[in-house]
C-alpha cells in the first residue's frame, strides 16, 4: 500500500484524510503533520491516524508527500522538507501540492535537483468522495508517478489533468466552485423562507433539487442548455424566473467572479498572496 504523508490538517487536508480512509485507500500507512495542538488532537481522535508535529519525521518512508497548507505556509514546509532525507534508501518519493496558486517551479526550486512534483487543485467535496482534483505535472514527474497520484486522488472523486498554464482557471472554476454553489443554495433557501416556507422545508427542497439536478446532468448525457429548455415551458413559471435571473445579470456576475478568482490565484502564484481558496 502507498504510504502517504499529509502535511497540514486543515480544511482541505482533513477532506483528503477522510476521503482516503473512507475509500480504504489509506490506513496505517497514512501519517498527518499538524503543528497546532488542538487540531492535531482532533485529527488523531477523529480518524485514528498517526499525527506528528515534524515534517521531516513524516517524510521518512513516505511515497507521497502531500502539502495541504495555505500558500503562505508552503515555503516553511519546503524548508523543513529540506532537512529530511528525501528519496532516502529505496524510496521513489513524489511531492504533491494542494496549495492554491503555487506553481511547480517554485516548489522544484526548493527541493533536491530533479525531485518530482505534481501540483493539484482539489475541492472540498472530496470529503464525501465527490471531489474534483485537477493535476498538473512538474518537469520531473514521470508518467507512472502521475498515474500513482491520479489513482490515489480517484479514491476521493474524479481526476483530470491539464497543463500548468490552465491551473489558475481551474482554481477559479472547480477549486472555488463549491462556494458559488453554496451561495446559490443559501439564496434560494432564503427566498423560499420569504415565500412562506419554513427554513427546514425550504432547505430540504433546495438541497434535494440541487442533488437531483446534478445527478441528472451527470447521468443523462444532455447539456445544461438542453436540460434547462426541457423544464422551461413557454410563458410558464420557470421562464418567468429565468427572465428575472437574466435581468439581474447572473451570467455576467459569474463571469466577473471567476475572472476575479483566476486573477487572485495568479497573484498567489507570484508570491503576492497569503490566503487559501
Protein backbone atom coordinates (compact mmCIF):
# COMPACT_ATOMS: atom_id res chain seq x y z
CA UNK A 1 0.00 0.00 0.00
CA UNK A 2 1.19 3.51 -0.82
CA UNK A 3 2.38 5.37 2.26
CA UNK A 4 1.04 8.91 2.32
CA UNK A 5 2.17 11.83 4.46
CA UNK A 6 -0.38 14.66 4.57
CA UNK A 7 1.29 17.87 5.70
CA UNK A 8 -1.49 20.05 7.08
CA UNK A 9 -4.62 19.00 8.92
CA UNK A 10 -6.79 21.98 7.97
CA UNK A 11 -9.93 22.09 5.87
CA UNK A 12 -8.59 20.55 2.66
CA UNK A 13 -6.17 18.24 4.47
CA UNK A 14 -9.00 16.84 6.58
CA UNK A 15 -11.15 16.37 3.48
CA UNK A 16 -8.39 14.32 1.85
CA UNK A 17 -7.75 12.30 5.01
CA UNK A 18 -11.44 11.50 5.44
CA UNK A 19 -11.83 10.54 1.79
CA UNK A 20 -8.77 8.30 1.74
CA UNK A 21 -9.86 6.47 4.88
CA UNK A 22 -13.45 6.12 3.70
CA UNK A 23 -12.29 4.62 0.41
CA UNK A 24 -9.89 2.23 2.13
CA UNK A 25 -7.02 3.74 0.10
CA UNK A 26 -5.06 4.57 3.27
CA UNK A 27 -4.95 3.35 6.85
CA UNK A 28 -1.90 2.58 8.93
CA UNK A 29 0.19 3.91 6.05
CA UNK A 30 -1.23 7.44 6.49
CA UNK A 31 0.56 9.99 8.68
CA UNK A 32 -0.53 13.59 9.23
CA UNK A 33 1.57 16.63 10.13
CA UNK A 34 -0.26 19.22 12.23
CA UNK A 35 1.53 21.77 14.39
CA UNK A 36 -1.50 23.18 16.23
CA UNK A 37 -2.03 21.02 19.30
CA UNK A 38 -5.83 21.24 19.44
CA UNK A 39 -6.15 20.46 15.75
CA UNK A 40 -3.66 17.60 15.99
CA UNK A 41 -5.62 16.01 18.83
CA UNK A 42 -8.87 16.40 16.89
CA UNK A 43 -7.44 14.74 13.76
CA UNK A 44 -5.95 11.89 15.77
CA UNK A 45 -9.15 11.18 17.70
CA UNK A 46 -11.50 11.64 14.76
CA UNK A 47 -9.62 9.49 12.25
CA UNK A 48 -7.37 7.25 14.34
CA UNK A 49 -4.26 8.12 12.31
CA UNK A 50 -0.75 8.91 13.46
CA UNK A 51 -0.22 12.64 13.86
CA UNK A 52 3.18 14.25 14.23
CA UNK A 53 4.46 17.81 14.56
CA UNK A 54 7.56 17.07 12.45
CA UNK A 55 7.57 17.31 8.66
CA UNK A 56 10.92 15.53 8.50
CA UNK A 57 9.55 12.67 10.63
CA UNK A 58 6.50 12.23 8.40
CA UNK A 59 8.62 12.29 5.24
CA UNK A 60 10.61 9.21 6.26
CA UNK A 61 9.37 6.26 4.23
CA UNK A 62 6.50 8.14 2.57
CA UNK A 63 5.80 7.54 -1.12
CA UNK A 64 3.65 10.66 -1.48
CA UNK A 65 4.38 13.88 0.39
CA UNK A 66 1.14 15.86 0.21
CA UNK A 67 1.34 19.57 1.05
CA UNK A 68 -2.10 20.68 2.25
CA UNK A 69 -1.35 24.05 3.82
CA UNK A 70 -2.12 27.65 2.90
CA UNK A 71 0.01 29.13 0.10
CA UNK A 72 1.78 31.43 2.55
CA UNK A 73 2.94 28.43 4.60
CA UNK A 74 4.38 26.43 1.70
CA UNK A 75 7.91 27.86 1.88
CA UNK A 76 8.13 26.94 5.57
CA UNK A 77 7.12 23.36 4.77
CA UNK A 78 9.68 23.17 1.97
CA UNK A 79 12.38 24.42 4.34
CA UNK A 80 11.52 21.63 6.76
CA UNK A 81 11.49 19.07 3.95
CA UNK A 82 14.98 20.25 3.10
CA UNK A 83 16.10 18.85 6.46
CA UNK A 84 14.61 15.43 5.69
CA UNK A 85 16.31 12.56 3.87
CA UNK A 86 14.20 12.88 0.73
CA UNK A 87 14.36 9.91 -1.60
CA UNK A 88 16.48 8.16 1.01
CA UNK A 89 17.01 4.43 0.75
CA UNK A 90 14.90 2.76 -1.90
CA UNK A 91 12.03 5.26 -1.83
CA UNK A 92 10.88 6.96 -5.02
CA UNK A 93 9.09 9.92 -3.49
CA UNK A 94 6.78 12.43 -5.12
CA UNK A 95 5.71 15.80 -3.76
CA UNK A 96 2.01 16.53 -4.28
CA UNK A 97 1.00 20.13 -3.62
CA UNK A 98 -2.63 21.05 -2.91
CA UNK A 99 -1.71 24.67 -2.17
CA UNK A 100 -3.72 27.04 -4.36
CA UNK A 101 -1.75 29.17 -6.77
CA UNK A 102 1.74 27.82 -6.02
CA UNK A 103 3.48 26.85 -9.29
CA UNK A 104 5.60 23.73 -9.65
CA UNK A 105 8.72 25.78 -10.50
CA UNK A 106 8.55 27.44 -7.08
CA UNK A 107 8.34 24.02 -5.42
CA UNK A 108 11.09 22.45 -7.54
CA UNK A 109 13.47 25.32 -6.81
CA UNK A 110 13.46 24.48 -3.09
CA UNK A 111 13.76 20.70 -3.44
CA UNK A 112 16.70 18.48 -4.41
CA UNK A 113 17.54 18.67 -8.10
CA UNK A 114 15.16 16.62 -10.23
CA UNK A 115 12.67 15.95 -7.41
CA UNK A 116 9.27 15.09 -8.95
CA UNK A 117 6.38 17.43 -8.20
CA UNK A 118 2.69 17.24 -9.07
CA UNK A 119 0.52 20.29 -8.50
CA UNK A 120 -3.12 19.57 -7.66
CA UNK A 121 -6.18 21.79 -7.42
CA UNK A 122 -8.68 19.87 -5.27
CA UNK A 123 -12.01 20.88 -3.83
CA UNK A 124 -13.79 20.10 -0.59
CA UNK A 125 -16.43 17.64 -1.91
CA UNK A 126 -13.62 15.06 -1.66
CA UNK A 127 -14.81 14.89 1.96
CA UNK A 128 -17.77 12.82 0.71
CA UNK A 129 -15.93 11.07 -2.12
CA UNK A 130 -17.17 13.51 -4.77
CA UNK A 131 -14.14 15.74 -5.19
CA UNK A 132 -12.78 17.20 -8.42
CA UNK A 133 -8.98 17.08 -8.42
CA UNK A 134 -7.06 18.58 -11.32
CA UNK A 135 -3.39 17.68 -11.80
CA UNK A 136 -0.51 19.49 -13.49
CA UNK A 137 2.81 17.59 -13.50
CA UNK A 138 6.10 19.37 -12.93
CA UNK A 139 9.16 18.98 -15.14
CA UNK A 140 10.47 15.85 -13.45
CA UNK A 141 7.26 13.91 -12.73
CA UNK A 142 7.23 10.66 -14.69
CA UNK A 143 4.15 9.09 -16.25
CA UNK A 144 3.98 6.31 -13.65
CA UNK A 145 4.23 8.84 -10.82
CA UNK A 146 1.40 10.89 -12.29
CA UNK A 147 -0.58 7.67 -12.58
CA UNK A 148 0.01 6.93 -8.88
CA UNK A 149 -1.19 10.39 -7.84
CA UNK A 150 -4.21 10.02 -10.13
CA UNK A 151 -5.03 6.64 -8.61
CA UNK A 152 -4.85 7.96 -5.05
CA UNK A 153 -6.99 11.01 -5.74
CA UNK A 154 -9.50 8.99 -7.76
CA UNK A 155 -10.45 7.34 -4.46
CA UNK A 156 -11.98 10.65 -3.34
CA UNK A 157 -13.63 11.77 -6.58
CA UNK A 158 -12.87 12.47 -10.22
CA UNK A 159 -9.48 13.48 -11.60
CA UNK A 160 -8.41 15.47 -14.66
CA UNK A 161 -5.00 16.53 -15.95
CA UNK A 162 -4.22 19.90 -17.56
CA UNK A 163 -1.18 21.98 -18.43
CA UNK A 164 0.03 24.19 -15.63
CA UNK A 165 -0.88 27.32 -17.58
CA UNK A 166 -4.53 26.37 -17.10
CA UNK A 167 -4.35 25.89 -13.33
CA UNK A 168 -5.43 29.41 -12.38
CA UNK A 169 -8.59 28.92 -14.44
CA UNK A 170 -9.13 25.52 -12.82
CA UNK A 171 -8.82 27.13 -9.40
CA UNK A 172 -11.49 29.66 -10.34
CA UNK A 173 -13.90 27.05 -11.72
CA UNK A 174 -13.66 23.93 -9.55
CA UNK A 175 -11.36 24.88 -6.68
CA UNK A 176 -13.56 27.75 -5.55
CA UNK A 177 -16.67 26.36 -7.25
CA UNK A 178 -18.32 24.74 -4.20
CA UNK A 179 -18.56 28.17 -2.53
CA UNK A 180 -20.52 29.55 -5.50
CA UNK A 181 -22.87 26.58 -5.29
CA UNK A 182 -23.40 27.02 -1.55
CA UNK A 183 -24.14 30.71 -2.06
CA UNK A 184 -26.82 29.88 -4.64
CA UNK A 185 -28.33 27.31 -2.26
CA UNK A 186 -28.28 29.84 0.57
CA UNK A 187 -30.01 32.45 -1.61
CA UNK A 188 -32.71 30.01 -2.75
CA UNK A 189 -33.40 28.87 0.82
CA UNK A 190 -33.75 32.48 1.95
CA UNK A 191 -36.09 33.17 -0.97
CA UNK A 192 -38.15 30.11 -0.06
CA UNK A 193 -38.49 31.39 3.50
CA UNK A 194 -39.57 34.73 2.07
CA UNK A 195 -42.31 32.91 0.17
CA UNK A 196 -43.68 31.46 3.39
CA UNK A 197 -41.93 28.09 3.74
CA UNK A 198 -40.21 27.10 6.96
CA UNK A 199 -36.42 27.16 6.77
CA UNK A 200 -36.28 23.39 7.30
CA UNK A 201 -38.67 22.69 4.42
CA UNK A 202 -37.02 25.26 2.13
CA UNK A 203 -33.62 23.74 2.84
CA UNK A 204 -34.84 20.22 2.10
CA UNK A 205 -36.43 21.32 -1.17
CA UNK A 206 -33.39 23.24 -2.37
CA UNK A 207 -30.76 20.68 -1.36
CA UNK A 208 -32.56 17.73 -2.94
CA UNK A 209 -33.32 19.77 -6.06
CA UNK A 210 -29.61 20.55 -6.41
CA UNK A 211 -28.58 16.94 -5.76
CA UNK A 212 -31.12 15.63 -8.25
CA UNK A 213 -30.32 18.22 -10.89
CA UNK A 214 -26.58 17.48 -10.63
CA UNK A 215 -27.21 13.74 -10.93
CA UNK A 216 -29.48 14.29 -13.94
CA UNK A 217 -26.85 16.44 -15.63
CA UNK A 218 -24.12 13.89 -14.88
CA UNK A 219 -26.05 10.82 -16.00
CA UNK A 220 -28.40 11.98 -18.77
CA UNK A 221 -25.78 12.78 -21.39
CA UNK A 222 -27.62 16.02 -22.15
CA UNK A 223 -26.14 19.50 -21.99
CA UNK A 224 -27.17 22.08 -19.37
CA UNK A 225 -28.88 24.04 -22.14
CA UNK A 226 -30.94 21.02 -23.22
CA UNK A 227 -32.00 20.20 -19.68
CA UNK A 228 -32.89 23.82 -18.94
CA UNK A 229 -35.01 24.02 -22.09
CA UNK A 230 -36.79 20.78 -21.19
CA UNK A 231 -38.08 22.23 -17.91
CA UNK A 232 -38.89 25.69 -19.30
CA UNK A 233 -42.41 25.88 -20.72
CA UNK A 234 -43.27 28.92 -22.88
CA UNK A 235 -44.67 31.71 -20.69
CA UNK A 236 -44.51 29.37 -17.68
CA UNK A 237 -43.22 29.80 -14.13
CA UNK A 238 -39.65 28.72 -14.95
CA UNK A 239 -39.47 31.12 -17.89
CA UNK A 240 -40.61 33.96 -15.64
CA UNK A 241 -37.95 33.12 -13.05
CA UNK A 242 -35.16 32.74 -15.62
CA UNK A 243 -36.08 36.09 -17.15
CA UNK A 244 -35.51 37.76 -13.78
CA UNK A 245 -32.20 35.98 -13.28
CA UNK A 246 -31.00 37.12 -16.69
CA UNK A 247 -32.20 40.65 -15.98
CA UNK A 248 -30.24 40.52 -12.73
CA UNK A 249 -27.08 39.73 -14.69
CA UNK A 250 -26.44 36.26 -13.28
CA UNK A 251 -24.24 35.23 -16.23
CA UNK A 252 -22.09 38.35 -16.14
CA UNK A 253 -21.81 38.09 -12.35
CA UNK A 254 -20.41 34.56 -12.64
CA UNK A 255 -18.06 35.66 -15.43
CA UNK A 256 -16.68 38.50 -13.31
CA UNK A 257 -16.46 36.28 -10.22
CA UNK A 258 -14.42 33.61 -11.98
CA UNK A 259 -12.13 36.20 -13.55
CA UNK A 260 -11.51 37.64 -10.07
CA UNK A 261 -10.74 34.18 -8.67
CA UNK A 262 -8.34 33.43 -11.53
CA UNK A 263 -6.51 36.71 -11.01
CA UNK A 264 -6.22 36.07 -7.28
CA UNK A 265 -4.81 32.61 -7.97
CA UNK A 266 -2.18 34.15 -10.25
CA UNK A 267 -1.27 36.66 -7.53
CA UNK A 268 -0.75 33.83 -5.06
CA UNK A 269 1.48 32.07 -7.55
CA UNK A 270 3.64 35.16 -7.86
CA UNK A 271 4.08 35.25 -4.10
CA UNK A 272 1.78 38.24 -3.51
CA UNK A 273 -0.98 36.27 -1.75
CA UNK A 274 -1.11 34.54 1.61
CA UNK A 275 -4.62 33.13 1.78
CA UNK A 276 -6.09 29.86 0.55
CA UNK A 277 -9.22 29.21 -1.53
